[in-house]
């Protein structure tokens, strides 16, 4: 029979910095899920300097980004109907 020997190595702390060619979104906490049948918009925030529109929804814990960057520029002057359509697009299965 072959005998398996365990090898104990000392772990040394090191600091490495790796630059990614394309930024990658990393999930930092476990996914939480909730089943909802309606979305109640509490407020919509348009931040032209940051090129982002966020909506705060009563049933969700975090604001939802509706448009950002190029899509922000493409939507132009959005309406309430655009907000409803975008939420339906994001959450309709």
PDB file of N, CA and C in Angstrom:
ATOM      1  N   UNK A   1       0.826  -1.180   0.000  1.00  0.00           N
ATOM      2  CA  UNK A   1       0.000   0.000   0.000  1.00  0.00           C
ATOM      3  C   UNK A   1       0.874   1.249   0.000  1.00  0.00           C
ATOM      4  N   UNK A   2       0.428   2.238  -0.729  1.00  0.00           N
ATOM      5  CA  UNK A   2       1.152   3.505  -0.735  1.00  0.00           C
ATOM      6  C   UNK A   2       0.799   4.302   0.503  1.00  0.00           C
ATOM      7  N   UNK A   3       1.783   4.866   1.087  1.00  0.00           N
ATOM      8  CA  UNK A   3       1.558   5.686   2.270  1.00  0.00           C
ATOM      9  C   UNK A   3       1.471   7.148   1.847  1.00  0.00           C
ATOM     10  N   UNK A   4       0.445   7.821   2.312  1.00  0.00           N
ATOM     11  CA  UNK A   4       0.278   9.237   1.976  1.00  0.00           C
ATOM     12  C   UNK A   4       0.798  10.058   3.140  1.00  0.00           C
ATOM     13  N   UNK A   5       1.738  10.897   2.834  1.00  0.00           N
ATOM     14  CA  UNK A   5       2.306  11.765   3.867  1.00  0.00           C
ATOM     15  C   UNK A   5       1.720  13.151   3.711  1.00  0.00           C
ATOM     16  N   UNK A   6       1.341  13.724   4.795  1.00  0.00           N
ATOM     17  CA  UNK A   6       0.836  15.089   4.709  1.00  0.00           C
ATOM     18  C   UNK A   6       2.023  16.048   4.742  1.00  0.00           C
ATOM     19  N   UNK A   7       1.914  17.037   3.952  1.00  0.00           N
ATOM     20  CA  UNK A   7       2.972  18.040   3.868  1.00  0.00           C
ATOM     21  C   UNK A   7       2.445  19.313   4.505  1.00  0.00           C
ATOM     22  N   UNK A   8       3.125  19.784   5.496  1.00  0.00           N
ATOM     23  CA  UNK A   8       2.735  21.020   6.158  1.00  0.00           C
ATOM     24  C   UNK A   8       3.666  22.124   5.684  1.00  0.00           C
ATOM     25  N   UNK A   9       3.080  23.143   5.129  1.00  0.00           N
ATOM     26  CA  UNK A   9       3.871  24.277   4.657  1.00  0.00           C
ATOM     27  C   UNK A   9       3.499  25.498   5.463  1.00  0.00           C
ATOM     28  N   UNK A  10       4.455  26.320   5.648  1.00  0.00           N
ATOM     29  CA  UNK A  10       4.167  27.586   6.295  1.00  0.00           C
ATOM     30  C   UNK A  10       3.521  28.497   5.269  1.00  0.00           C
ATOM     31  N   UNK A  11       2.488  29.171   5.695  1.00  0.00           N
ATOM     32  CA  UNK A  11       1.822  30.121   4.813  1.00  0.00           C
ATOM     33  C   UNK A  11       2.425  31.488   5.051  1.00  0.00           C
ATOM     34  N   UNK A  12       2.816  32.100   3.980  1.00  0.00           N
ATOM     35  CA  UNK A  12       3.388  33.432   4.132  1.00  0.00           C
ATOM     36  C   UNK A  12       2.407  34.440   3.538  1.00  0.00           C
ATOM     37  N   UNK A  13       2.232  35.508   4.253  1.00  0.00           N
ATOM     38  CA  UNK A  13       1.345  36.565   3.766  1.00  0.00           C
ATOM     39  C   UNK A  13       2.063  37.329   2.673  1.00  0.00           C
ATOM     40  N   UNK A  14       1.326  37.606   1.650  1.00  0.00           N
ATOM     41  CA  UNK A  14       1.894  38.433   0.595  1.00  0.00           C
ATOM     42  C   UNK A  14       0.794  39.306   0.029  1.00  0.00           C
ATOM     43  N   UNK A  15       1.189  40.372  -0.537  1.00  0.00           N
ATOM     44  CA  UNK A  15       0.260  41.301  -1.145  1.00  0.00           C
ATOM     45  C   UNK A  15       0.546  41.306  -2.639  1.00  0.00           C
ATOM     46  N   UNK A  16      -0.478  41.055  -3.412  1.00  0.00           N
ATOM     47  CA  UNK A  16      -0.339  41.101  -4.859  1.00  0.00           C
ATOM     48  C   UNK A  16      -1.395  42.027  -5.414  1.00  0.00           C
ATOM     49  N   UNK A  17      -1.036  42.725  -6.426  1.00  0.00           N
ATOM     50  CA  UNK A  17      -1.995  43.578  -7.099  1.00  0.00           C
ATOM     51  C   UNK A  17      -2.039  43.118  -8.549  1.00  0.00           C
ATOM     52  N   UNK A  18      -3.218  42.704  -8.979  1.00  0.00           N
ATOM     53  CA  UNK A  18      -3.394  42.213 -10.337  1.00  0.00           C
ATOM     54  C   UNK A  18      -4.312  43.176 -11.058  1.00  0.00           C
ATOM     55  N   UNK A  19      -3.866  43.703 -12.164  1.00  0.00           N
ATOM     56  CA  UNK A  19      -4.671  44.628 -12.949  1.00  0.00           C
ATOM     57  C   UNK A  19      -5.405  43.842 -14.032  1.00  0.00           C
ATOM     58  N   UNK A  20      -6.715  43.927 -14.015  1.00  0.00           N
ATOM     59  CA  UNK A  20      -7.537  43.224 -14.994  1.00  0.00           C
ATOM     60  C   UNK A  20      -7.683  44.068 -16.254  1.00  0.00           C
ATOM     61  N   UNK A  21      -7.676  43.425 -17.384  1.00  0.00           N
ATOM     62  CA  UNK A  21      -7.831  44.171 -18.630  1.00  0.00           C
ATOM     63  C   UNK A  21      -9.244  44.728 -18.774  1.00  0.00           C
ATOM     64  N   UNK A  22     -10.223  43.999 -18.246  1.00  0.00           N
ATOM     65  CA  UNK A  22     -11.613  44.462 -18.246  1.00  0.00           C
ATOM     66  C   UNK A  22     -12.136  44.394 -16.824  1.00  0.00           C
ATOM     67  N   UNK A  23     -12.662  45.497 -16.282  1.00  0.00           N
ATOM     68  CA  UNK A  23     -13.206  45.470 -14.929  1.00  0.00           C
ATOM     69  C   UNK A  23     -14.292  44.395 -14.808  1.00  0.00           C
ATOM     70  N   UNK A  24     -14.358  43.735 -13.683  1.00  0.00           N
ATOM     71  CA  UNK A  24     -15.309  42.660 -13.437  1.00  0.00           C
ATOM     72  C   UNK A  24     -16.115  42.964 -12.185  1.00  0.00           C
ATOM     73  N   UNK A  25     -17.436  42.900 -12.302  1.00  0.00           N
ATOM     74  CA  UNK A  25     -18.292  43.090 -11.135  1.00  0.00           C
ATOM     75  C   UNK A  25     -18.228  41.822 -10.302  1.00  0.00           C
ATOM     76  N   UNK A  26     -17.962  41.989  -9.001  1.00  0.00           N
ATOM     77  CA  UNK A  26     -17.815  40.873  -8.086  1.00  0.00           C
ATOM     78  C   UNK A  26     -18.927  40.932  -7.048  1.00  0.00           C
ATOM     79  N   UNK A  27     -19.592  39.808  -6.818  1.00  0.00           N
ATOM     80  CA  UNK A  27     -20.646  39.742  -5.815  1.00  0.00           C
ATOM     81  C   UNK A  27     -19.992  39.586  -4.454  1.00  0.00           C
ATOM     82  N   UNK A  28     -20.269  40.520  -3.542  1.00  0.00           N
ATOM     83  CA  UNK A  28     -19.618  40.524  -2.244  1.00  0.00           C
ATOM     84  C   UNK A  28     -20.468  39.924  -1.129  1.00  0.00           C
ATOM     85  N   UNK A  29     -21.721  39.678  -1.405  1.00  0.00           N
ATOM     86  CA  UNK A  29     -22.561  39.036  -0.405  1.00  0.00           C
ATOM     87  C   UNK A  29     -23.501  38.078  -1.106  1.00  0.00           C
ATOM     88  N   UNK A  30     -24.024  37.147  -0.342  1.00  0.00           N
ATOM     89  CA  UNK A  30     -24.917  36.169  -0.930  1.00  0.00           C
ATOM     90  C   UNK A  30     -26.166  36.828  -1.487  1.00  0.00           C
ATOM     91  N   UNK A  31     -26.684  36.214  -2.513  1.00  0.00           N
ATOM     92  CA  UNK A  31     -27.895  36.728  -3.140  1.00  0.00           C
ATOM     93  C   UNK A  31     -29.087  36.572  -2.197  1.00  0.00           C
ATOM     94  N   UNK A  32     -29.861  37.628  -2.108  1.00  0.00           N
ATOM     95  CA  UNK A  32     -31.108  37.581  -1.366  1.00  0.00           C
ATOM     96  C   UNK A  32     -32.221  37.650  -2.397  1.00  0.00           C
ATOM     97  N   UNK A  33     -33.271  36.899  -2.186  1.00  0.00           N
ATOM     98  CA  UNK A  33     -34.371  36.968  -3.141  1.00  0.00           C
ATOM     99  C   UNK A  33     -35.686  37.211  -2.412  1.00  0.00           C
ATOM    100  N   UNK A  34     -36.614  37.755  -3.167  1.00  0.00           N
ATOM    101  CA  UNK A  34     -37.924  38.092  -2.632  1.00  0.00           C
ATOM    102  C   UNK A  34     -38.902  37.970  -3.786  1.00  0.00           C
ATOM    103  N   UNK A  35     -40.062  37.412  -3.533  1.00  0.00           N
ATOM    104  CA  UNK A  35     -41.091  37.303  -4.558  1.00  0.00           C
ATOM    105  C   UNK A  35     -42.046  38.481  -4.403  1.00  0.00           C
ATOM    106  N   UNK A  36     -42.203  39.235  -5.476  1.00  0.00           N
ATOM    107  CA  UNK A  36     -43.106  40.391  -5.457  1.00  0.00           C
ATOM    108  C   UNK A  36     -44.032  40.319  -6.658  1.00  0.00           C
ATOM    109  N   UNK A  37     -45.219  40.856  -6.482  1.00  0.00           N
ATOM    110  CA  UNK A  37     -46.169  40.888  -7.603  1.00  0.00           C
ATOM    111  C   UNK A  37     -46.408  42.309  -8.085  1.00  0.00           C
ATOM    112  N   UNK A  38     -46.015  43.288  -7.268  1.00  0.00           N
ATOM    113  CA  UNK A  38     -46.126  44.685  -7.666  1.00  0.00           C
ATOM    114  C   UNK A  38     -44.866  45.426  -7.238  1.00  0.00           C
ATOM    115  N   UNK A  39     -44.586  46.492  -7.925  1.00  0.00           N
ATOM    116  CA  UNK A  39     -43.474  47.376  -7.573  1.00  0.00           C
ATOM    117  C   UNK A  39     -44.051  48.765  -7.354  1.00  0.00           C
ATOM    118  N   UNK A  40     -43.805  49.327  -6.183  1.00  0.00           N
ATOM    119  CA  UNK A  40     -44.314  50.647  -5.845  1.00  0.00           C
ATOM    120  C   UNK A  40     -43.161  51.640  -5.885  1.00  0.00           C
ATOM    121  N   UNK A  41     -43.157  52.490  -6.899  1.00  0.00           N
ATOM    122  CA  UNK A  41     -42.090  53.475  -7.056  1.00  0.00           C
ATOM    123  C   UNK A  41     -42.301  54.592  -6.042  1.00  0.00           C
ATOM    124  N   UNK A  42     -41.277  54.799  -5.207  1.00  0.00           N
ATOM    125  CA  UNK A  42     -41.348  55.860  -4.209  1.00  0.00           C
ATOM    126  C   UNK A  42     -40.756  57.150  -4.744  1.00  0.00           C
ATOM    127  N   UNK A  43     -39.645  57.029  -5.486  1.00  0.00           N
ATOM    128  CA  UNK A  43     -39.055  58.220  -6.107  1.00  0.00           C
ATOM    129  C   UNK A  43     -38.077  57.803  -7.190  1.00  0.00           C
ATOM    130  N   UNK A  44     -37.885  58.724  -8.121  1.00  0.00           N
ATOM    131  CA  UNK A  44     -36.933  58.531  -9.217  1.00  0.00           C
ATOM    132  C   UNK A  44     -35.904  59.645  -9.109  1.00  0.00           C
ATOM    133  N   UNK A  45     -34.633  59.269  -9.160  1.00  0.00           N
ATOM    134  CA  UNK A  45     -33.551  60.245  -9.034  1.00  0.00           C
ATOM    135  C   UNK A  45     -32.739  60.254 -10.326  1.00  0.00           C
ATOM    136  N   UNK A  46     -32.664  61.407 -10.950  1.00  0.00           N
ATOM    137  CA  UNK A  46     -31.890  61.606 -12.180  1.00  0.00           C
ATOM    138  C   UNK A  46     -30.639  62.396 -11.819  1.00  0.00           C
ATOM    139  N   UNK A  47     -29.480  61.813 -12.065  1.00  0.00           N
ATOM    140  CA  UNK A  47     -28.194  62.461 -11.769  1.00  0.00           C
ATOM    141  C   UNK A  47     -27.442  62.705 -13.073  1.00  0.00           C
ATOM    142  N   UNK A  48     -27.715  63.833 -13.727  1.00  0.00           N
ATOM    143  CA  UNK A  48     -27.091  64.116 -15.035  1.00  0.00           C
ATOM    144  C   UNK A  48     -25.568  64.117 -14.991  1.00  0.00           C
ATOM    145  N   UNK A  49     -24.970  64.629 -13.933  1.00  0.00           N
ATOM    146  CA  UNK A  49     -23.506  64.680 -13.852  1.00  0.00           C
ATOM    147  C   UNK A  49     -22.901  63.276 -13.837  1.00  0.00           C
ATOM    148  N   UNK A  50     -23.632  62.322 -13.271  1.00  0.00           N
ATOM    149  CA  UNK A  50     -23.147  60.933 -13.211  1.00  0.00           C
ATOM    150  C   UNK A  50     -23.734  60.068 -14.323  1.00  0.00           C
ATOM    151  N   UNK A  51     -24.630  60.661 -15.108  1.00  0.00           N
ATOM    152  CA  UNK A  51     -25.318  59.954 -16.190  1.00  0.00           C
ATOM    153  C   UNK A  51     -25.978  58.672 -15.695  1.00  0.00           C
ATOM    154  N   UNK A  52     -26.844  58.844 -14.704  1.00  0.00           N
ATOM    155  CA  UNK A  52     -27.546  57.693 -14.140  1.00  0.00           C
ATOM    156  C   UNK A  52     -28.936  58.101 -13.647  1.00  0.00           C
ATOM    157  N   UNK A  53     -29.888  57.194 -13.832  1.00  0.00           N
ATOM    158  CA  UNK A  53     -31.231  57.356 -13.270  1.00  0.00           C
ATOM    159  C   UNK A  53     -31.473  56.151 -12.376  1.00  0.00           C
ATOM    160  N   UNK A  54     -31.807  56.434 -11.118  1.00  0.00           N
ATOM    161  CA  UNK A  54     -32.102  55.383 -10.139  1.00  0.00           C
ATOM    162  C   UNK A  54     -33.532  55.545  -9.672  1.00  0.00           C
ATOM    163  N   UNK A  55     -34.150  54.426  -9.376  1.00  0.00           N
ATOM    164  CA  UNK A  55     -35.509  54.443  -8.858  1.00  0.00           C
ATOM    165  C   UNK A  55     -35.515  53.706  -7.517  1.00  0.00           C
ATOM    166  N   UNK A  56     -36.231  54.279  -6.560  1.00  0.00           N
ATOM    167  CA  UNK A  56     -36.380  53.660  -5.250  1.00  0.00           C
ATOM    168  C   UNK A  56     -37.750  52.997  -5.206  1.00  0.00           C
ATOM    169  N   UNK A  57     -37.744  51.701  -4.945  1.00  0.00           N
ATOM    170  CA  UNK A  57     -38.963  50.904  -4.975  1.00  0.00           C
ATOM    171  C   UNK A  57     -39.230  50.375  -3.567  1.00  0.00           C
ATOM    172  N   UNK A  58     -40.447  50.563  -3.097  1.00  0.00           N
ATOM    173  CA  UNK A  58     -40.817  50.186  -1.727  1.00  0.00           C
ATOM    174  C   UNK A  58     -40.508  48.720  -1.425  1.00  0.00           C
ATOM    175  N   UNK A  59     -40.751  47.836  -2.363  1.00  0.00           N
ATOM    176  CA  UNK A  59     -40.599  46.404  -2.116  1.00  0.00           C
ATOM    177  C   UNK A  59     -39.146  45.912  -2.181  1.00  0.00           C
ATOM    178  N   UNK A  60     -38.243  46.756  -2.630  1.00  0.00           N
ATOM    179  CA  UNK A  60     -36.840  46.361  -2.789  1.00  0.00           C
ATOM    180  C   UNK A  60     -35.960  47.109  -1.802  1.00  0.00           C
ATOM    181  N   UNK A  61     -34.908  46.465  -1.357  1.00  0.00           N
ATOM    182  CA  UNK A  61     -34.022  47.055  -0.356  1.00  0.00           C
ATOM    183  C   UNK A  61     -33.043  48.076  -0.927  1.00  0.00           C
ATOM    184  N   UNK A  62     -32.686  47.917  -2.181  1.00  0.00           N
ATOM    185  CA  UNK A  62     -31.686  48.781  -2.818  1.00  0.00           C
ATOM    186  C   UNK A  62     -32.308  49.528  -3.989  1.00  0.00           C
ATOM    187  N   UNK A  63     -31.787  50.714  -4.313  1.00  0.00           N
ATOM    188  CA  UNK A  63     -32.297  51.418  -5.506  1.00  0.00           C
ATOM    189  C   UNK A  63     -31.949  50.633  -6.766  1.00  0.00           C
ATOM    190  N   UNK A  64     -32.769  50.811  -7.779  1.00  0.00           N
ATOM    191  CA  UNK A  64     -32.576  50.126  -9.055  1.00  0.00           C
ATOM    192  C   UNK A  64     -32.050  51.132 -10.062  1.00  0.00           C
ATOM    193  N   UNK A  65     -30.974  50.785 -10.754  1.00  0.00           N
ATOM    194  CA  UNK A  65     -30.447  51.644 -11.811  1.00  0.00           C
ATOM    195  C   UNK A  65     -31.242  51.353 -13.077  1.00  0.00           C
ATOM    196  N   UNK A  66     -31.921  52.380 -13.576  1.00  0.00           N
ATOM    197  CA  UNK A  66     -32.704  52.208 -14.804  1.00  0.00           C
ATOM    198  C   UNK A  66     -31.857  52.436 -16.041  1.00  0.00           C
ATOM    199  N   UNK A  67     -31.119  53.526 -16.040  1.00  0.00           N
ATOM    200  CA  UNK A  67     -30.253  53.862 -17.170  1.00  0.00           C
ATOM    201  C   UNK A  67     -28.949  54.429 -16.631  1.00  0.00           C
ATOM    202  N   UNK A  68     -27.856  54.064 -17.315  1.00  0.00           N
ATOM    203  CA  UNK A  68     -26.541  54.538 -16.881  1.00  0.00           C
ATOM    204  C   UNK A  68     -25.627  54.626 -18.100  1.00  0.00           C
ATOM    205  N   UNK A  69     -24.784  55.648 -18.108  1.00  0.00           N
ATOM    206  CA  UNK A  69     -23.804  55.784 -19.193  1.00  0.00           C
ATOM    207  C   UNK A  69     -24.455  55.980 -20.549  1.00  0.00           C
ATOM    208  N   UNK A  70     -24.128  55.096 -21.493  1.00  0.00           N
ATOM    209  CA  UNK A  70     -24.640  55.212 -22.869  1.00  0.00           C
ATOM    210  C   UNK A  70     -26.165  55.088 -22.913  1.00  0.00           C
ATOM    211  N   UNK A  71     -26.726  54.206 -22.091  1.00  0.00           N
ATOM    212  CA  UNK A  71     -28.185  54.063 -22.108  1.00  0.00           C
ATOM    213  C   UNK A  71     -28.862  55.308 -21.533  1.00  0.00           C
ATOM    214  N   UNK A  72     -28.179  55.997 -20.621  1.00  0.00           N
ATOM    215  CA  UNK A  72     -28.687  57.260 -20.084  1.00  0.00           C
ATOM    216  C   UNK A  72     -28.770  58.297 -21.201  1.00  0.00           C
ATOM    217  N   UNK A  73     -27.716  58.378 -21.989  1.00  0.00           N
ATOM    218  CA  UNK A  73     -27.697  59.335 -23.101  1.00  0.00           C
ATOM    219  C   UNK A  73     -28.731  58.961 -24.157  1.00  0.00           C
ATOM    220  N   UNK A  74     -28.899  57.653 -24.391  1.00  0.00           N
ATOM    221  CA  UNK A  74     -29.829  57.197 -25.428  1.00  0.00           C
ATOM    222  C   UNK A  74     -31.286  57.482 -25.057  1.00  0.00           C
ATOM    223  N   UNK A  75     -31.634  57.373 -23.781  1.00  0.00           N
ATOM    224  CA  UNK A  75     -33.032  57.581 -23.379  1.00  0.00           C
ATOM    225  C   UNK A  75     -33.424  59.056 -23.466  1.00  0.00           C
ATOM    226  N   UNK A  76     -32.469  59.947 -23.295  1.00  0.00           N
ATOM    227  CA  UNK A  76     -32.792  61.377 -23.361  1.00  0.00           C
ATOM    228  C   UNK A  76     -33.765  61.779 -22.265  1.00  0.00           C
ATOM    229  N   UNK A  77     -34.772  62.553 -22.619  1.00  0.00           N
ATOM    230  CA  UNK A  77     -35.778  63.001 -21.648  1.00  0.00           C
ATOM    231  C   UNK A  77     -36.772  61.865 -21.417  1.00  0.00           C
ATOM    232  N   UNK A  78     -36.624  61.158 -20.319  1.00  0.00           N
ATOM    233  CA  UNK A  78     -37.488  60.020 -20.034  1.00  0.00           C
ATOM    234  C   UNK A  78     -38.814  60.480 -19.429  1.00  0.00           C
ATOM    235  N   UNK A  79     -39.809  59.626 -19.490  1.00  0.00           N
ATOM    236  CA  UNK A  79     -41.142  59.910 -18.944  1.00  0.00           C
ATOM    237  C   UNK A  79     -41.499  58.843 -17.911  1.00  0.00           C
ATOM    238  N   UNK A  80     -42.608  59.032 -17.220  1.00  0.00           N
ATOM    239  CA  UNK A  80     -43.083  58.010 -16.281  1.00  0.00           C
ATOM    240  C   UNK A  80     -43.346  56.691 -17.015  1.00  0.00           C
ATOM    241  N   UNK A  81     -43.851  56.788 -18.228  1.00  0.00           N
ATOM    242  CA  UNK A  81     -44.106  55.579 -19.022  1.00  0.00           C
ATOM    243  C   UNK A  81     -42.793  54.850 -19.316  1.00  0.00           C
ATOM    244  N   UNK A  82     -41.704  55.604 -19.559  1.00  0.00           N
ATOM    245  CA  UNK A  82     -40.389  54.986 -19.779  1.00  0.00           C
ATOM    246  C   UNK A  82     -39.922  54.252 -18.524  1.00  0.00           C
ATOM    247  N   UNK A  83     -40.157  54.858 -17.365  1.00  0.00           N
ATOM    248  CA  UNK A  83     -39.778  54.240 -16.089  1.00  0.00           C
ATOM    249  C   UNK A  83     -40.539  52.922 -15.917  1.00  0.00           C
ATOM    250  N   UNK A  84     -41.845  52.953 -16.137  1.00  0.00           N
ATOM    251  CA  UNK A  84     -42.657  51.736 -16.020  1.00  0.00           C
ATOM    252  C   UNK A  84     -42.183  50.661 -16.994  1.00  0.00           C
ATOM    253  N   UNK A  85     -41.924  51.063 -18.226  1.00  0.00           N
ATOM    254  CA  UNK A  85     -41.474  50.097 -19.247  1.00  0.00           C
ATOM    255  C   UNK A  85     -40.115  49.491 -18.871  1.00  0.00           C
ATOM    256  N   UNK A  86     -39.221  50.324 -18.356  1.00  0.00           N
ATOM    257  CA  UNK A  86     -37.886  49.820 -17.989  1.00  0.00           C
ATOM    258  C   UNK A  86     -37.975  48.863 -16.798  1.00  0.00           C
ATOM    259  N   UNK A  87     -38.792  49.179 -15.802  1.00  0.00           N
ATOM    260  CA  UNK A  87     -38.967  48.273 -14.670  1.00  0.00           C
ATOM    261  C   UNK A  87     -39.580  46.957 -15.125  1.00  0.00           C
ATOM    262  N   UNK A  88     -40.550  47.029 -16.012  1.00  0.00           N
ATOM    263  CA  UNK A  88     -41.155  45.811 -16.560  1.00  0.00           C
ATOM    264  C   UNK A  88     -40.108  44.997 -17.314  1.00  0.00           C
ATOM    265  N   UNK A  89     -39.256  45.670 -18.057  1.00  0.00           N
ATOM    266  CA  UNK A  89     -38.186  44.992 -18.810  1.00  0.00           C
ATOM    267  C   UNK A  89     -37.209  44.302 -17.858  1.00  0.00           C
ATOM    268  N   UNK A  90     -36.866  44.977 -16.772  1.00  0.00           N
ATOM    269  CA  UNK A  90     -35.905  44.412 -15.819  1.00  0.00           C
ATOM    270  C   UNK A  90     -36.480  43.273 -14.991  1.00  0.00           C
ATOM    271  N   UNK A  91     -37.770  43.343 -14.646  1.00  0.00           N
ATOM    272  CA  UNK A  91     -38.330  42.386 -13.705  1.00  0.00           C
ATOM    273  C   UNK A  91     -39.353  41.413 -14.289  1.00  0.00           C
ATOM    274  N   UNK A  92     -39.759  41.611 -15.522  1.00  0.00           N
ATOM    275  CA  UNK A  92     -40.696  40.654 -16.142  1.00  0.00           C
ATOM    276  C   UNK A  92     -39.897  39.440 -16.607  1.00  0.00           C
ATOM    277  N   UNK A  93     -40.439  38.282 -16.350  1.00  0.00           N
ATOM    278  CA  UNK A  93     -39.717  37.050 -16.727  1.00  0.00           C
ATOM    279  C   UNK A  93     -40.269  36.471 -18.011  1.00  0.00           C
TER     280      UNK A  93
END
